[in-house]
């Protein structure tokens, strides 16, 4: 960083600065663990003698969790793991039912981000006519946000007694979650004007009520890839277009990385219709309450806690399984 001309080239300096921040964060975690380790021997003696109180048990549990988190953090070494994340949620077929489920997922991830001190920014949200959302895209910013949230990409299934069914019948709803790394402005993604179709329209909220009276909302279609992005949160058309382009660049970058990566290409090939047989996780609220991840087999009986943002066990299990697969591939 002290080399002549380092700061003159943002494209080269940005990755170095990001790596430095990651290393500084890991170093601080190691220092904290070292401080805790000085007390560990005394606590272990008390535990062995049966004289330790709840405080000692809590200390030991916290230290164990810190070590597990550091282990995961150290292994998040993918080229984009340290980036912020862009999360997009879309309901499947099913109208109001699926739209309401999509909004429940949106709340779940916003609560997860809050619990982990991530910053969030809503980039695009279209409300359903009766309830729920037709789509939502938001940014999650913080250390390794993409590294953790990339595990949530896929179809999520909900089984419950429908609050919209007068006969109180059980319904199954689906919604998809896509996660992309938020790329730095210095990363060059070629986007030509001739490849874009830009439409403007009036932003509207629930029930069709106009947010403003001008065509400030922007929808951009990238013709070669058929990727469509939109933004309507700002009152300025210029700001909405800039945000939509930022989302488009992130999705194009993600698409390019998937072409280069065999593992990500396989994940792309496995994407199916947002319906039966394609879900990565099931959330059952009736006739029993349980959330099960179909990739790792992790089950949690407290569905309400999961829907309130407690998705850590699913994320950590998926990451560990992915890391083990990667290590095995390298070994072979």
Foldseek 3Di string as FASTA:
>chain_A
DPDPCLVVQCLNNVVVVLVVVLVVVLVVLVVVLVVLVVCLVVLVVCVVVVNDDPVSVVSVVVSVVSVLVSVLSVLLPPPQQFFKKKKKKAWAPDAPVRQQVSQLVVLQAVLQLVVVVWDKDWFAWAAGQPGHTRMTMMITDDGRNLSQCQLQFWKEKEWAQDPPDPVRDIDIIIMGMHMFGQDDPSDDDDDDPVQKDKDFAFDAHHNRHTPDDDRQKIWIARNVVRDIFIGDPDPHNVVRVVSRVSVVSRVVVLVVVLVVDPVSVVVVVLHDHRDPPTGQKYAYPPPAGKIAGPVQGDIDRPSVVSSSHPCVVVSSSVSVVVSVVVVVVVVD
